[in-house]
Amino acid sequence: RPFNAWPYLHPPKIARVQCSDDVARKT
């Protein structure tokens, strides 16, 4: 979906998950 697909009630929050390149690619 496009960014800001919906009218948000509150600004979204972003979780930054640290992982290897391999895990990121497979996920």
PDB file of all heavy atoms in Angstrom:
ATOM      1  N   ARG A   1       0.841  -1.190   0.000  1.00  0.00           N
ATOM      2  CA  ARG A   1       0.000   0.000   0.000  1.00  0.00           C
ATOM      3  C   ARG A   1       0.881   1.248   0.000  1.00  0.00           C
ATOM      4  O   ARG A   1       2.025   1.207   0.453  1.00  0.00           O
ATOM      5  CB  ARG A   1      -0.878   0.011   1.258  1.00  0.00           C
ATOM      6  CG  ARG A   1      -1.929  -1.071   1.230  1.00  0.00           C
ATOM      7  CD  ARG A   1      -2.698  -1.188   2.549  1.00  0.00           C
ATOM      8  NE  ARG A   1      -3.733  -2.185   2.401  1.00  0.00           N
ATOM      9  CZ  ARG A   1      -3.511  -3.501   2.447  1.00  0.00           C
ATOM     10  NH1 ARG A   1      -2.307  -3.968   2.675  1.00  0.00           N
ATOM     11  NH2 ARG A   1      -4.499  -4.354   2.278  1.00  0.00           N
ATOM     12  N   PRO A   2       0.310   2.368  -0.436  1.00  0.00           N
ATOM     13  CA  PRO A   2       1.078   3.614  -0.369  1.00  0.00           C
ATOM     14  C   PRO A   2       1.287   4.021   1.098  1.00  0.00           C
ATOM     15  O   PRO A   2       0.531   3.631   1.975  1.00  0.00           O
ATOM     16  CB  PRO A   2       0.205   4.620  -1.104  1.00  0.00           C
ATOM     17  CG  PRO A   2      -1.171   4.043  -1.113  1.00  0.00           C
ATOM     18  CD  PRO A   2      -1.030   2.557  -1.012  1.00  0.00           C
ATOM     19  N   PHE A   3       2.319   4.813   1.320  1.00  0.00           N
ATOM     20  CA  PHE A   3       2.520   5.374   2.652  1.00  0.00           C
ATOM     21  C   PHE A   3       1.309   6.232   2.993  1.00  0.00           C
ATOM     22  O   PHE A   3       0.711   6.846   2.110  1.00  0.00           O
ATOM     23  CB  PHE A   3       3.807   6.201   2.710  1.00  0.00           C
ATOM     24  CG  PHE A   3       5.044   5.380   2.472  1.00  0.00           C
ATOM     25  CD1 PHE A   3       5.700   5.413   1.259  1.00  0.00           C
ATOM     26  CD2 PHE A   3       5.528   4.533   3.460  1.00  0.00           C
ATOM     27  CE1 PHE A   3       6.827   4.647   1.037  1.00  0.00           C
ATOM     28  CE2 PHE A   3       6.656   3.752   3.244  1.00  0.00           C
ATOM     29  CZ  PHE A   3       7.313   3.814   2.024  1.00  0.00           C
ATOM     30  N   ASN A   4       0.942   6.270   4.267  1.00  0.00           N
ATOM     31  CA  ASN A   4      -0.240   7.020   4.715  1.00  0.00           C
ATOM     32  C   ASN A   4      -1.494   6.579   3.965  1.00  0.00           C
ATOM     33  O   ASN A   4      -2.279   7.410   3.501  1.00  0.00           O
ATOM     34  CB  ASN A   4      -0.022   8.533   4.589  1.00  0.00           C
ATOM     35  CG  ASN A   4       1.101   9.004   5.480  1.00  0.00           C
ATOM     36  OD1 ASN A   4       1.175   8.620   6.637  1.00  0.00           O
ATOM     37  ND2 ASN A   4       1.985   9.807   4.940  1.00  0.00           N
ATOM     38  N   ALA A   5      -1.673   5.273   3.883  1.00  0.00           N
ATOM     39  CA  ALA A   5      -2.815   4.710   3.150  1.00  0.00           C
ATOM     40  C   ALA A   5      -4.149   5.062   3.804  1.00  0.00           C
ATOM     41  O   ALA A   5      -5.149   5.196   3.117  1.00  0.00           O
ATOM     42  CB  ALA A   5      -2.670   3.195   3.064  1.00  0.00           C
ATOM     43  N   TRP A   6      -4.161   5.188   5.102  1.00  0.00           N
ATOM     44  CA  TRP A   6      -5.405   5.446   5.829  1.00  0.00           C
ATOM     45  C   TRP A   6      -5.333   6.788   6.536  1.00  0.00           C
ATOM     46  O   TRP A   6      -4.248   7.296   6.822  1.00  0.00           O
ATOM     47  CB  TRP A   6      -5.636   4.372   6.901  1.00  0.00           C
ATOM     48  CG  TRP A   6      -5.867   3.028   6.330  1.00  0.00           C
ATOM     49  CD1 TRP A   6      -7.033   2.546   5.799  1.00  0.00           C
ATOM     50  CD2 TRP A   6      -4.923   1.974   6.226  1.00  0.00           C
ATOM     51  NE1 TRP A   6      -6.852   1.258   5.372  1.00  0.00           N
ATOM     52  CE2 TRP A   6      -5.570   0.875   5.623  1.00  0.00           C
ATOM     53  CE3 TRP A   6      -3.587   1.831   6.575  1.00  0.00           C
ATOM     54  CZ2 TRP A   6      -4.941  -0.333   5.368  1.00  0.00           C
ATOM     55  CZ3 TRP A   6      -2.952   0.635   6.321  1.00  0.00           C
ATOM     56  CH2 TRP A   6      -3.634  -0.425   5.722  1.00  0.00           C
ATOM     57  N   PRO A   7      -6.495   7.325   6.931  1.00  0.00           N
ATOM     58  CA  PRO A   7      -6.464   8.483   7.831  1.00  0.00           C
ATOM     59  C   PRO A   7      -6.125   7.979   9.239  1.00  0.00           C
ATOM     60  O   PRO A   7      -6.906   7.254   9.847  1.00  0.00           O
ATOM     61  CB  PRO A   7      -7.894   9.037   7.746  1.00  0.00           C
ATOM     62  CG  PRO A   7      -8.733   7.944   7.174  1.00  0.00           C
ATOM     63  CD  PRO A   7      -7.827   6.996   6.456  1.00  0.00           C
ATOM     64  N   TYR A   8      -4.919   8.270   9.694  1.00  0.00           N
ATOM     65  CA  TYR A   8      -4.450   7.768  10.987  1.00  0.00           C
ATOM     66  C   TYR A   8      -5.022   8.566  12.141  1.00  0.00           C
ATOM     67  O   TYR A   8      -5.143   9.787  12.061  1.00  0.00           O
ATOM     68  CB  TYR A   8      -2.916   7.786  11.052  1.00  0.00           C
ATOM     69  CG  TYR A   8      -2.258   6.868  10.053  1.00  0.00           C
ATOM     70  CD1 TYR A   8      -1.435   7.374   9.059  1.00  0.00           C
ATOM     71  CD2 TYR A   8      -2.461   5.494  10.104  1.00  0.00           C
ATOM     72  CE1 TYR A   8      -0.827   6.533   8.144  1.00  0.00           C
ATOM     73  CE2 TYR A   8      -1.865   4.646   9.185  1.00  0.00           C
ATOM     74  CZ  TYR A   8      -1.050   5.177   8.213  1.00  0.00           C
ATOM     75  OH  TYR A   8      -0.450   4.333   7.313  1.00  0.00           O
ATOM     76  N   LEU A   9      -5.330   7.870  13.232  1.00  0.00           N
ATOM     77  CA  LEU A   9      -5.819   8.505  14.442  1.00  0.00           C
ATOM     78  C   LEU A   9      -4.672   9.244  15.138  1.00  0.00           C
ATOM     79  O   LEU A   9      -4.836  10.341  15.654  1.00  0.00           O
ATOM     80  CB  LEU A   9      -6.420   7.449  15.375  1.00  0.00           C
ATOM     81  CG  LEU A   9      -7.182   7.935  16.582  1.00  0.00           C
ATOM     82  CD1 LEU A   9      -8.364   8.802  16.175  1.00  0.00           C
ATOM     83  CD2 LEU A   9      -7.684   6.738  17.396  1.00  0.00           C
ATOM     84  N   HIS A  10      -3.498   8.623  15.159  1.00  0.00           N
ATOM     85  CA  HIS A  10      -2.272   9.196  15.730  1.00  0.00           C
ATOM     86  C   HIS A  10      -1.152   8.935  14.726  1.00  0.00           C
ATOM     87  O   HIS A  10      -1.247   7.996  13.937  1.00  0.00           O
ATOM     88  CB  HIS A  10      -1.906   8.510  17.054  1.00  0.00           C
ATOM     89  CG  HIS A  10      -3.005   8.511  18.059  1.00  0.00           C
ATOM     90  ND1 HIS A  10      -3.414   9.640  18.724  1.00  0.00           N
ATOM     91  CD2 HIS A  10      -3.801   7.512  18.508  1.00  0.00           C
ATOM     92  CE1 HIS A  10      -4.406   9.329  19.540  1.00  0.00           C
ATOM     93  NE2 HIS A  10      -4.662   8.048  19.422  1.00  0.00           N
ATOM     94  N   PRO A  11      -0.074   9.685  14.791  1.00  0.00           N
ATOM     95  CA  PRO A  11       1.044   9.388  13.892  1.00  0.00           C
ATOM     96  C   PRO A  11       1.551   7.958  14.140  1.00  0.00           C
ATOM     97  O   PRO A  11       1.696   7.540  15.290  1.00  0.00           O
ATOM     98  CB  PRO A  11       2.110  10.420  14.279  1.00  0.00           C
ATOM     99  CG  PRO A  11       1.347  11.535  14.923  1.00  0.00           C
ATOM    100  CD  PRO A  11       0.178  10.878  15.603  1.00  0.00           C
ATOM    101  N   PRO A  12       1.799   7.191  13.077  1.00  0.00           N
ATOM    102  CA  PRO A  12       2.323   5.829  13.252  1.00  0.00           C
ATOM    103  C   PRO A  12       3.693   5.854  13.921  1.00  0.00           C
ATOM    104  O   PRO A  12       4.404   6.863  13.876  1.00  0.00           O
ATOM    105  CB  PRO A  12       2.424   5.304  11.818  1.00  0.00           C
ATOM    106  CG  PRO A  12       1.501   6.159  11.020  1.00  0.00           C
ATOM    107  CD  PRO A  12       1.534   7.505  11.672  1.00  0.00           C
ATOM    108  N   LYS A  13       4.046   4.728  14.521  1.00  0.00           N
ATOM    109  CA  LYS A  13       5.371   4.559  15.116  1.00  0.00           C
ATOM    110  C   LYS A  13       6.100   3.462  14.355  1.00  0.00           C
ATOM    111  O   LYS A  13       5.481   2.499  13.893  1.00  0.00           O
ATOM    112  CB  LYS A  13       5.259   4.200  16.594  1.00  0.00           C
ATOM    113  CG  LYS A  13       4.704   5.336  17.431  1.00  0.00           C
ATOM    114  CD  LYS A  13       4.735   5.023  18.903  1.00  0.00           C
ATOM    115  CE  LYS A  13       4.194   6.206  19.696  1.00  0.00           C
ATOM    116  NZ  LYS A  13       4.234   5.954  21.139  1.00  0.00           N
ATOM    117  N   ILE A  14       7.413   3.620  14.254  1.00  0.00           N
ATOM    118  CA  ILE A  14       8.245   2.679  13.510  1.00  0.00           C
ATOM    119  C   ILE A  14       9.143   1.908  14.468  1.00  0.00           C
ATOM    120  O   ILE A  14       9.891   2.509  15.242  1.00  0.00           O
ATOM    121  CB  ILE A  14       9.123   3.405  12.467  1.00  0.00           C
ATOM    122  CG1 ILE A  14       8.281   4.226  11.501  1.00  0.00           C
ATOM    123  CG2 ILE A  14      10.031   2.406  11.739  1.00  0.00           C
ATOM    124  CD1 ILE A  14       7.407   3.431  10.564  1.00  0.00           C
ATOM    125  N   ALA A  15       9.054   0.583  14.404  1.00  0.00           N
ATOM    126  CA  ALA A  15       9.974  -0.285  15.153  1.00  0.00           C
ATOM    127  C   ALA A  15      11.134  -0.631  14.229  1.00  0.00           C
ATOM    128  O   ALA A  15      10.924  -1.073  13.097  1.00  0.00           O
ATOM    129  CB  ALA A  15       9.262  -1.554  15.614  1.00  0.00           C
ATOM    130  N   ARG A  16      12.354  -0.385  14.710  1.00  0.00           N
ATOM    131  CA  ARG A  16      13.563  -0.690  13.946  1.00  0.00           C
ATOM    132  C   ARG A  16      14.142  -1.993  14.483  1.00  0.00           C
ATOM    133  O   ARG A  16      14.629  -2.045  15.614  1.00  0.00           O
ATOM    134  CB  ARG A  16      14.560   0.448  14.069  1.00  0.00           C
ATOM    135  CG  ARG A  16      14.007   1.767  13.551  1.00  0.00           C
ATOM    136  CD  ARG A  16      15.025   2.908  13.521  1.00  0.00           C
ATOM    137  NE  ARG A  16      16.090   2.865  14.493  1.00  0.00           N
ATOM    138  CZ  ARG A  16      16.107   3.547  15.652  1.00  0.00           C
ATOM    139  NH1 ARG A  16      15.085   4.305  15.988  1.00  0.00           N
ATOM    140  NH2 ARG A  16      17.139   3.456  16.460  1.00  0.00           N
ATOM    141  N   VAL A  17      14.107  -3.029  13.669  1.00  0.00           N
ATOM    142  CA  VAL A  17      14.549  -4.361  14.076  1.00  0.00           C
ATOM    143  C   VAL A  17      15.939  -4.620  13.508  1.00  0.00           C
ATOM    144  O   VAL A  17      16.130  -4.631  12.293  1.00  0.00           O
ATOM    145  CB  VAL A  17      13.555  -5.445  13.583  1.00  0.00           C
ATOM    146  CG1 VAL A  17      14.046  -6.828  13.922  1.00  0.00           C
ATOM    147  CG2 VAL A  17      12.178  -5.185  14.182  1.00  0.00           C
ATOM    148  N   GLN A  18      16.894  -4.807  14.407  1.00  0.00           N
ATOM    149  CA  GLN A  18      18.266  -5.048  13.990  1.00  0.00           C
ATOM    150  C   GLN A  18      18.435  -6.534  13.663  1.00  0.00           C
ATOM    151  O   GLN A  18      18.077  -7.401  14.473  1.00  0.00           O
ATOM    152  CB  GLN A  18      19.219  -4.611  15.088  1.00  0.00           C
ATOM    153  CG  GLN A  18      19.079  -3.133  15.378  1.00  0.00           C
ATOM    154  CD  GLN A  18      19.880  -2.673  16.582  1.00  0.00           C
ATOM    155  OE1 GLN A  18      20.067  -3.393  17.549  1.00  0.00           O
ATOM    156  NE2 GLN A  18      20.357  -1.442  16.511  1.00  0.00           N
ATOM    157  N   CYS A  19      18.969  -6.793  12.468  1.00  0.00           N
ATOM    158  CA  CYS A  19      19.148  -8.177  12.029  1.00  0.00           C
ATOM    159  C   CYS A  19      20.205  -8.231  10.933  1.00  0.00           C
ATOM    160  O   CYS A  19      20.642  -7.197  10.438  1.00  0.00           O
ATOM    161  CB  CYS A  19      17.823  -8.755  11.529  1.00  0.00           C
ATOM    162  SG  CYS A  19      17.148  -7.909  10.085  1.00  0.00           S
ATOM    163  N   SER A  20      20.555  -9.421  10.540  1.00  0.00           N
ATOM    164  CA  SER A  20      21.530  -9.590   9.461  1.00  0.00           C
ATOM    165  C   SER A  20      20.862  -9.317   8.113  1.00  0.00           C
ATOM    166  O   SER A  20      19.633  -9.342   7.992  1.00  0.00           O
ATOM    167  CB  SER A  20      22.088 -11.020   9.473  1.00  0.00           C
ATOM    168  OG  SER A  20      21.077 -11.935   9.086  1.00  0.00           O
ATOM    169  N   ASP A  21      21.674  -9.074   7.103  1.00  0.00           N
ATOM    170  CA  ASP A  21      21.155  -8.880   5.748  1.00  0.00           C
ATOM    171  C   ASP A  21      20.381 -10.115   5.294  1.00  0.00           C
ATOM    172  O   ASP A  21      19.353  -9.995   4.620  1.00  0.00           O
ATOM    173  CB  ASP A  21      22.298  -8.617   4.759  1.00  0.00           C
ATOM    174  CG  ASP A  21      22.956  -7.263   4.943  1.00  0.00           C
ATOM    175  OD1 ASP A  21      22.407  -6.409   5.680  1.00  0.00           O
ATOM    176  OD2 ASP A  21      24.030  -7.044   4.346  1.00  0.00           O
ATOM    177  N   ASP A  22      20.882 -11.303   5.651  1.00  0.00           N
ATOM    178  CA  ASP A  22      20.236 -12.553   5.255  1.00  0.00           C
ATOM    179  C   ASP A  22      18.838 -12.670   5.865  1.00  0.00           C
ATOM    180  O   ASP A  22      17.885 -13.028   5.171  1.00  0.00           O
ATOM    181  CB  ASP A  22      21.111 -13.743   5.671  1.00  0.00           C
ATOM    182  CG  ASP A  22      20.611 -15.053   5.110  1.00  0.00           C
ATOM    183  OD1 ASP A  22      20.361 -15.125   3.882  1.00  0.00           O
ATOM    184  OD2 ASP A  22      20.463 -16.010   5.896  1.00  0.00           O
ATOM    185  N   VAL A  23      18.707 -12.355   7.157  1.00  0.00           N
ATOM    186  CA  VAL A  23      17.397 -12.405   7.814  1.00  0.00           C
ATOM    187  C   VAL A  23      16.450 -11.392   7.174  1.00  0.00           C
ATOM    188  O   VAL A  23      15.288 -11.698   6.889  1.00  0.00           O
ATOM    189  CB  VAL A  23      17.515 -12.164   9.339  1.00  0.00           C
ATOM    190  CG1 VAL A  23      16.167 -11.881   9.978  1.00  0.00           C
ATOM    191  CG2 VAL A  23      18.182 -13.362  10.008  1.00  0.00           C
ATOM    192  N   ALA A  24      16.939 -10.183   6.915  1.00  0.00           N
ATOM    193  CA  ALA A  24      16.098  -9.147   6.303  1.00  0.00           C
ATOM    194  C   ALA A  24      15.625  -9.591   4.923  1.00  0.00           C
ATOM    195  O   ALA A  24      14.441  -9.441   4.585  1.00  0.00           O
ATOM    196  CB  ALA A  24      16.866  -7.832   6.203  1.00  0.00           C
ATOM    197  N   ARG A  25      16.515 -10.144   4.124  1.00  0.00           N
ATOM    198  CA  ARG A  25      16.148 -10.593   2.773  1.00  0.00           C
ATOM    199  C   ARG A  25      15.132 -11.722   2.821  1.00  0.00           C
ATOM    200  O   ARG A  25      14.101 -11.676   2.142  1.00  0.00           O
ATOM    201  CB  ARG A  25      17.396 -11.040   2.010  1.00  0.00           C
ATOM    202  CG  ARG A  25      17.106 -11.497   0.578  1.00  0.00           C
ATOM    203  CD  ARG A  25      18.359 -12.036  -0.118  1.00  0.00           C
ATOM    204  NE  ARG A  25      19.068 -13.046   0.640  1.00  0.00           N
ATOM    205  CZ  ARG A  25      18.676 -14.320   0.783  1.00  0.00           C
ATOM    206  NH1 ARG A  25      17.550 -14.726   0.237  1.00  0.00           N
ATOM    207  NH2 ARG A  25      19.393 -15.171   1.483  1.00  0.00           N
ATOM    208  N   LYS A  26      15.392 -12.748   3.655  1.00  0.00           N
ATOM    209  CA  LYS A  26      14.477 -13.891   3.733  1.00  0.00           C
ATOM    210  C   LYS A  26      13.108 -13.477   4.282  1.00  0.00           C
ATOM    211  O   LYS A  26      12.075 -13.964   3.825  1.00  0.00           O
ATOM    212  CB  LYS A  26      15.072 -14.992   4.609  1.00  0.00           C
ATOM    213  CG  LYS A  26      16.222 -15.730   3.960  1.00  0.00           C
ATOM    214  CD  LYS A  26      16.781 -16.772   4.915  1.00  0.00           C
ATOM    215  CE  LYS A  26      17.948 -17.522   4.316  1.00  0.00           C
ATOM    216  NZ  LYS A  26      18.545 -18.465   5.283  1.00  0.00           N
ATOM    217  N   THR A  27      13.108 -12.593   5.265  1.00  0.00           N
ATOM    218  CA  THR A  27      11.844 -12.113   5.843  1.00  0.00           C
ATOM    219  C   THR A  27      11.035 -11.356   4.795  1.00  0.00           C
ATOM    220  O   THR A  27       9.849 -11.625   4.590  1.00  0.00           O
ATOM    221  CB  THR A  27      12.118 -11.210   7.065  1.00  0.00           C
ATOM    222  OG1 THR A  27      12.800 -11.977   8.063  1.00  0.00           O
ATOM    223  CG2 THR A  27      10.837 -10.635   7.634  1.00  0.00           C
TER     224      THR A  27
END
